[in-house]
Amino acid sequence: DLAQTCEKRIEELGKNGVVIPLGTFTGIPLF
């Protein structure tokens, strides 16, 4: 039950994607 619930929650939370600040896409450490 615990394994199934964890897998389902990881999938549900991951559907929203990840929010990354635009400056991270530049690859420049300052941004």
All heavy atoms as atom14 arrays in JSON, in Angstrom:
{
  "sequence": "DLAQTCEKRIEELGKNGVVIPLGTFTGIPLF",
  "atom14_mask": [
    [1, 1, 1, 1, 1, 1, 1, 1, 0, 0, 0, 0, 0, 0],
    [1, 1, 1, 1, 1, 1, 1, 1, 0, 0, 0, 0, 0, 0],
    [1, 1, 1, 1, 1, 0, 0, 0, 0, 0, 0, 0, 0, 0],
    [1, 1, 1, 1, 1, 1, 1, 1, 1, 0, 0, 0, 0, 0],
    [1, 1, 1, 1, 1, 1, 1, 0, 0, 0, 0, 0, 0, 0],
    [1, 1, 1, 1, 1, 1, 0, 0, 0, 0, 0, 0, 0, 0],
    [1, 1, 1, 1, 1, 1, 1, 1, 1, 0, 0, 0, 0, 0],
    [1, 1, 1, 1, 1, 1, 1, 1, 1, 0, 0, 0, 0, 0],
    [1, 1, 1, 1, 1, 1, 1, 1, 1, 1, 1, 0, 0, 0],
    [1, 1, 1, 1, 1, 1, 1, 1, 0, 0, 0, 0, 0, 0],
    [1, 1, 1, 1, 1, 1, 1, 1, 1, 0, 0, 0, 0, 0],
    [1, 1, 1, 1, 1, 1, 1, 1, 1, 0, 0, 0, 0, 0],
    [1, 1, 1, 1, 1, 1, 1, 1, 0, 0, 0, 0, 0, 0],
    [1, 1, 1, 1, 0, 0, 0, 0, 0, 0, 0, 0, 0, 0],
    [1, 1, 1, 1, 1, 1, 1, 1, 1, 0, 0, 0, 0, 0],
    [1, 1, 1, 1, 1, 1, 1, 1, 0, 0, 0, 0, 0, 0],
    [1, 1, 1, 1, 0, 0, 0, 0, 0, 0, 0, 0, 0, 0],
    [1, 1, 1, 1, 1, 1, 1, 0, 0, 0, 0, 0, 0, 0],
    [1, 1, 1, 1, 1, 1, 1, 0, 0, 0, 0, 0, 0, 0],
    [1, 1, 1, 1, 1, 1, 1, 1, 0, 0, 0, 0, 0, 0],
    [1, 1, 1, 1, 1, 1, 1, 0, 0, 0, 0, 0, 0, 0],
    [1, 1, 1, 1, 1, 1, 1, 1, 0, 0, 0, 0, 0, 0],
    [1, 1, 1, 1, 0, 0, 0, 0, 0, 0, 0, 0, 0, 0],
    [1, 1, 1, 1, 1, 1, 1, 0, 0, 0, 0, 0, 0, 0],
    [1, 1, 1, 1, 1, 1, 1, 1, 1, 1, 1, 0, 0, 0],
    [1, 1, 1, 1, 1, 1, 1, 0, 0, 0, 0, 0, 0, 0],
    [1, 1, 1, 1, 0, 0, 0, 0, 0, 0, 0, 0, 0, 0],
    [1, 1, 1, 1, 1, 1, 1, 1, 0, 0, 0, 0, 0, 0],
    [1, 1, 1, 1, 1, 1, 1, 0, 0, 0, 0, 0, 0, 0],
    [1, 1, 1, 1, 1, 1, 1, 1, 0, 0, 0, 0, 0, 0],
    [1, 1, 1, 1, 1, 1, 1, 1, 1, 1, 1, 0, 0, 0]
  ],
  "atom14_positions": [
    [[0.83, -1.21, 0.0], [0.0, 0.0, 0.0], [0.86, 1.26, 0.0], [0.56, 2.22, -0.71], [-0.93, 0.02, 1.21], [-2.0, -1.06, 1.15], [-2.2, -1.65, 0.06], [-2.62, -1.33, 2.2], [0.0, 0.0, 0.0], [0.0, 0.0, 0.0], [0.0, 0.0, 0.0], [0.0, 0.0, 0.0], [0.0, 0.0, 0.0], [0.0, 0.0, 0.0]],
    [[1.92, 1.23, 0.79], [2.8, 2.39, 0.88], [3.53, 2.64, -0.43], [3.6, 3.78, -0.91], [3.8, 2.2, 2.03], [4.72, 3.36, 2.34], [3.93, 4.63, 2.61], [5.59, 3.02, 3.55], [0.0, 0.0, 0.0], [0.0, 0.0, 0.0], [0.0, 0.0, 0.0], [0.0, 0.0, 0.0], [0.0, 0.0, 0.0], [0.0, 0.0, 0.0]],
    [[4.04, 1.59, -1.06], [4.74, 1.74, -2.34], [3.8, 2.26, -3.42], [4.16, 3.18, -4.18], [5.36, 0.41, -2.76], [0.0, 0.0, 0.0], [0.0, 0.0, 0.0], [0.0, 0.0, 0.0], [0.0, 0.0, 0.0], [0.0, 0.0, 0.0], [0.0, 0.0, 0.0], [0.0, 0.0, 0.0], [0.0, 0.0, 0.0], [0.0, 0.0, 0.0]],
    [[2.6, 1.72, -3.5], [1.64, 2.16, -4.51], [1.22, 3.61, -4.3], [1.11, 4.39, -5.25], [0.4, 1.26, -4.5], [0.64, -0.11, -5.07], [-0.57, -1.03, -4.93], [-1.52, -0.73, -4.21], [-0.51, -2.17, -5.61], [0.0, 0.0, 0.0], [0.0, 0.0, 0.0], [0.0, 0.0, 0.0], [0.0, 0.0, 0.0], [0.0, 0.0, 0.0]],
    [[0.99, 3.98, -3.04], [0.61, 5.36, -2.74], [1.74, 6.32, -3.09], [1.49, 7.39, -3.66], [0.21, 5.5, -1.25], [-0.83, 4.56, -0.96], [-0.27, 6.9, -0.93], [0.0, 0.0, 0.0], [0.0, 0.0, 0.0], [0.0, 0.0, 0.0], [0.0, 0.0, 0.0], [0.0, 0.0, 0.0], [0.0, 0.0, 0.0], [0.0, 0.0, 0.0]],
    [[2.98, 5.95, -2.77], [4.13, 6.82, -3.09], [4.27, 7.0, -4.59], [4.47, 8.12, -5.06], [5.41, 6.22, -2.53], [5.64, 6.43, -0.77], [0.0, 0.0, 0.0], [0.0, 0.0, 0.0], [0.0, 0.0, 0.0], [0.0, 0.0, 0.0], [0.0, 0.0, 0.0], [0.0, 0.0, 0.0], [0.0, 0.0, 0.0], [0.0, 0.0, 0.0]],
    [[4.18, 5.91, -5.34], [4.32, 6.01, -6.79], [3.25, 6.9, -7.39], [3.52, 7.74, -8.26], [4.26, 4.61, -7.42], [5.51, 3.8, -7.18], [5.4, 2.37, -7.66], [4.33, 1.97, -8.18], [6.39, 1.62, -7.5], [0.0, 0.0, 0.0], [0.0, 0.0, 0.0], [0.0, 0.0, 0.0], [0.0, 0.0, 0.0], [0.0, 0.0, 0.0]],
    [[2.01, 6.75, -6.91], [0.9, 7.56, -7.41], [1.11, 9.04, -7.08], [0.9, 9.92, -7.92], [-0.42, 7.08, -6.79], [-1.65, 7.68, -7.44], [-2.93, 7.25, -6.74], [-3.07, 5.74, -6.76], [-4.31, 5.29, -6.08], [0.0, 0.0, 0.0], [0.0, 0.0, 0.0], [0.0, 0.0, 0.0], [0.0, 0.0, 0.0], [0.0, 0.0, 0.0]],
    [[1.57, 9.33, -5.87], [1.77, 10.74, -5.47], [2.93, 11.38, -6.21], [2.87, 12.56, -6.56], [2.01, 10.82, -3.96], [0.8, 10.42, -3.16], [0.37, 11.51, -2.2], [-0.92, 11.16, -1.64], [-1.12, 10.77, -0.4], [-0.11, 10.68, 0.44], [-2.33, 10.48, 0.02], [0.0, 0.0, 0.0], [0.0, 0.0, 0.0], [0.0, 0.0, 0.0]],
    [[3.98, 10.61, -6.45], [5.12, 11.16, -7.21], [4.64, 11.53, -8.62], [4.98, 12.59, -9.15], [6.28, 10.15, -7.26], [6.95, 10.04, -5.89], [7.31, 10.55, -8.32], [7.95, 8.91, -5.76], [0.0, 0.0, 0.0], [0.0, 0.0, 0.0], [0.0, 0.0, 0.0], [0.0, 0.0, 0.0], [0.0, 0.0, 0.0], [0.0, 0.0, 0.0]],
    [[3.85, 10.67, -9.22], [3.32, 10.93, -10.56], [2.41, 12.16, -10.55], [2.52, 13.03, -11.42], [2.55, 9.71, -11.05], [2.09, 9.82, -12.48], [1.35, 8.57, -12.94], [1.65, 7.47, -12.43], [0.46, 8.72, -13.8], [0.0, 0.0, 0.0], [0.0, 0.0, 0.0], [0.0, 0.0, 0.0], [0.0, 0.0, 0.0], [0.0, 0.0, 0.0]],
    [[1.52, 12.25, -9.54], [0.59, 13.38, -9.47], [1.33, 14.71, -9.27], [1.04, 15.7, -9.94], [-0.39, 13.18, -8.32], [-1.44, 12.13, -8.57], [-2.24, 11.79, -7.31], [-1.99, 12.4, -6.25], [-3.09, 10.89, -7.38], [0.0, 0.0, 0.0], [0.0, 0.0, 0.0], [0.0, 0.0, 0.0], [0.0, 0.0, 0.0], [0.0, 0.0, 0.0]],
    [[2.28, 14.72, -8.33], [3.01, 15.95, -8.07], [3.91, 16.34, -9.24], [4.14, 17.51, -9.5], [3.84, 15.81, -6.79], [3.06, 15.76, -5.48], [3.98, 15.42, -4.31], [2.36, 17.08, -5.22], [0.0, 0.0, 0.0], [0.0, 0.0, 0.0], [0.0, 0.0, 0.0], [0.0, 0.0, 0.0], [0.0, 0.0, 0.0], [0.0, 0.0, 0.0]],
    [[4.41, 15.35, -9.96], [5.29, 15.62, -11.09], [4.58, 16.14, -12.32], [5.19, 16.75, -13.19], [0.0, 0.0, 0.0], [0.0, 0.0, 0.0], [0.0, 0.0, 0.0], [0.0, 0.0, 0.0], [0.0, 0.0, 0.0], [0.0, 0.0, 0.0], [0.0, 0.0, 0.0], [0.0, 0.0, 0.0], [0.0, 0.0, 0.0], [0.0, 0.0, 0.0]],
    [[3.27, 15.91, -12.42], [2.5, 16.35, -13.59], [2.54, 17.87, -13.76], [2.43, 18.38, -14.86], [1.05, 15.89, -13.49], [0.85, 14.46, -13.84], [-0.62, 14.09, -13.74], [-0.83, 12.62, -14.03], [-2.24, 12.22, -13.85], [0.0, 0.0, 0.0], [0.0, 0.0, 0.0], [0.0, 0.0, 0.0], [0.0, 0.0, 0.0], [0.0, 0.0, 0.0]],
    [[2.66, 18.57, -12.65], [2.68, 20.04, -12.72], [3.98, 20.57, -13.3], [4.08, 21.75, -13.61], [2.47, 20.63, -11.32], [1.14, 20.23, -10.75], [0.18, 20.0, -11.47], [1.06, 20.14, -9.44], [0.0, 0.0, 0.0], [0.0, 0.0, 0.0], [0.0, 0.0, 0.0], [0.0, 0.0, 0.0], [0.0, 0.0, 0.0], [0.0, 0.0, 0.0]],
    [[4.99, 19.72, -13.39], [6.29, 20.15, -13.89], [7.08, 20.85, -12.8], [6.72, 20.83, -11.63], [0.0, 0.0, 0.0], [0.0, 0.0, 0.0], [0.0, 0.0, 0.0], [0.0, 0.0, 0.0], [0.0, 0.0, 0.0], [0.0, 0.0, 0.0], [0.0, 0.0, 0.0], [0.0, 0.0, 0.0], [0.0, 0.0, 0.0], [0.0, 0.0, 0.0]],
    [[8.15, 21.46, -13.23], [9.05, 22.15, -12.31], [9.18, 23.59, -12.78], [9.32, 23.85, -13.97], [10.44, 21.47, -12.28], [11.37, 22.19, -11.34], [10.32, 20.02, -11.89], [0.0, 0.0, 0.0], [0.0, 0.0, 0.0], [0.0, 0.0, 0.0], [0.0, 0.0, 0.0], [0.0, 0.0, 0.0], [0.0, 0.0, 0.0], [0.0, 0.0, 0.0]],
    [[9.14, 24.52, -11.84], [9.28, 25.93, -12.18], [10.74, 26.33, -12.01], [11.34, 26.14, -10.96], [8.36, 26.79, -11.27], [8.55, 28.26, -11.57], [6.92, 26.38, -11.44], [0.0, 0.0, 0.0], [0.0, 0.0, 0.0], [0.0, 0.0, 0.0], [0.0, 0.0, 0.0], [0.0, 0.0, 0.0], [0.0, 0.0, 0.0], [0.0, 0.0, 0.0]],
    [[11.31, 26.87, -13.1], [12.72, 27.25, -13.1], [12.81, 28.73, -13.49], [12.19, 29.15, -14.48], [13.52, 26.4, -14.1], [13.45, 24.92, -13.71], [14.97, 26.85, -14.18], [14.12, 23.99, -14.68], [0.0, 0.0, 0.0], [0.0, 0.0, 0.0], [0.0, 0.0, 0.0], [0.0, 0.0, 0.0], [0.0, 0.0, 0.0], [0.0, 0.0, 0.0]],
    [[13.58, 29.52, -12.74], [13.76, 30.92, -13.11], [14.43, 31.04, -14.49], [15.32, 30.25, -14.83], [14.65, 31.48, -12.01], [14.44, 30.56, -10.85], [14.2, 29.2, -11.46], [0.0, 0.0, 0.0], [0.0, 0.0, 0.0], [0.0, 0.0, 0.0], [0.0, 0.0, 0.0], [0.0, 0.0, 0.0], [0.0, 0.0, 0.0], [0.0, 0.0, 0.0]],
    [[14.02, 32.01, -15.27], [14.5, 32.2, -16.64], [16.02, 32.37, -16.7], [16.66, 31.9, -17.64], [13.79, 33.4, -17.27], [14.0, 33.62, -18.76], [13.5, 32.4, -19.53], [13.27, 34.86, -19.22], [0.0, 0.0, 0.0], [0.0, 0.0, 0.0], [0.0, 0.0, 0.0], [0.0, 0.0, 0.0], [0.0, 0.0, 0.0], [0.0, 0.0, 0.0]],
    [[16.6, 33.02, -15.71], [18.05, 33.24, -15.7], [18.84, 31.94, -15.66], [20.0, 31.89, -16.12], [0.0, 0.0, 0.0], [0.0, 0.0, 0.0], [0.0, 0.0, 0.0], [0.0, 0.0, 0.0], [0.0, 0.0, 0.0], [0.0, 0.0, 0.0], [0.0, 0.0, 0.0], [0.0, 0.0, 0.0], [0.0, 0.0, 0.0], [0.0, 0.0, 0.0]],
    [[18.26, 30.88, -15.16], [18.94, 29.59, -15.1], [19.22, 29.06, -16.5], [20.22, 28.39, -16.74], [18.08, 28.57, -14.31], [17.81, 29.12, -13.03], [18.78, 27.25, -14.15], [0.0, 0.0, 0.0], [0.0, 0.0, 0.0], [0.0, 0.0, 0.0], [0.0, 0.0, 0.0], [0.0, 0.0, 0.0], [0.0, 0.0, 0.0], [0.0, 0.0, 0.0]],
    [[18.35, 29.39, -17.48], [18.52, 28.92, -18.85], [19.74, 29.53, -19.53], [20.22, 28.99, -20.53], [17.27, 29.23, -19.69], [16.09, 28.37, -19.33], [15.15, 28.8, -18.42], [15.94, 27.12, -19.91], [14.06, 28.02, -18.1], [14.86, 26.32, -19.59], [13.92, 26.77, -18.67], [0.0, 0.0, 0.0], [0.0, 0.0, 0.0], [0.0, 0.0, 0.0]],
    [[20.26, 30.63, -19.03], [21.43, 31.25, -19.66], [22.69, 30.46, -19.39], [23.64, 30.53, -20.17], [21.62, 32.69, -19.15], [21.95, 32.65, -17.76], [20.39, 33.55, -19.38], [0.0, 0.0, 0.0], [0.0, 0.0, 0.0], [0.0, 0.0, 0.0], [0.0, 0.0, 0.0], [0.0, 0.0, 0.0], [0.0, 0.0, 0.0], [0.0, 0.0, 0.0]],
    [[22.74, 29.73, -18.3], [23.95, 29.0, -17.95], [24.99, 29.88, -17.27], [26.05, 29.4, -16.89], [0.0, 0.0, 0.0], [0.0, 0.0, 0.0], [0.0, 0.0, 0.0], [0.0, 0.0, 0.0], [0.0, 0.0, 0.0], [0.0, 0.0, 0.0], [0.0, 0.0, 0.0], [0.0, 0.0, 0.0], [0.0, 0.0, 0.0], [0.0, 0.0, 0.0]],
    [[24.7, 31.15, -17.12], [25.63, 32.08, -16.47], [25.34, 32.05, -14.97], [24.23, 32.32, -14.55], [25.45, 33.51, -17.04], [25.72, 33.5, -18.54], [26.37, 34.49, -16.32], [25.34, 34.8, -19.24], [0.0, 0.0, 0.0], [0.0, 0.0, 0.0], [0.0, 0.0, 0.0], [0.0, 0.0, 0.0], [0.0, 0.0, 0.0], [0.0, 0.0, 0.0]],
    [[26.37, 31.71, -14.16], [26.14, 31.57, -12.71], [25.5, 32.78, -12.05], [24.71, 32.64, -11.13], [27.54, 31.31, -12.15], [28.31, 30.71, -13.29], [27.74, 31.37, -14.53], [0.0, 0.0, 0.0], [0.0, 0.0, 0.0], [0.0, 0.0, 0.0], [0.0, 0.0, 0.0], [0.0, 0.0, 0.0], [0.0, 0.0, 0.0], [0.0, 0.0, 0.0]],
    [[25.8, 33.97, -12.53], [25.25, 35.2, -11.95], [23.73, 35.28, -12.12], [23.03, 35.81, -11.27], [25.91, 36.43, -12.6], [25.49, 37.8, -12.08], [25.88, 37.94, -10.61], [26.12, 38.89, -12.9], [0.0, 0.0, 0.0], [0.0, 0.0, 0.0], [0.0, 0.0, 0.0], [0.0, 0.0, 0.0], [0.0, 0.0, 0.0], [0.0, 0.0, 0.0]],
    [[23.2, 34.7, -13.19], [21.77, 34.78, -13.49], [20.96, 33.58, -13.0], [19.74, 33.58, -13.07], [21.54, 34.95, -14.99], [22.1, 36.23, -15.54], [22.77, 36.23, -16.74], [21.96, 37.43, -14.86], [23.29, 37.41, -17.26], [22.47, 38.6, -15.36], [23.14, 38.6, -16.57], [0.0, 0.0, 0.0], [0.0, 0.0, 0.0], [0.0, 0.0, 0.0]]
  ]
}
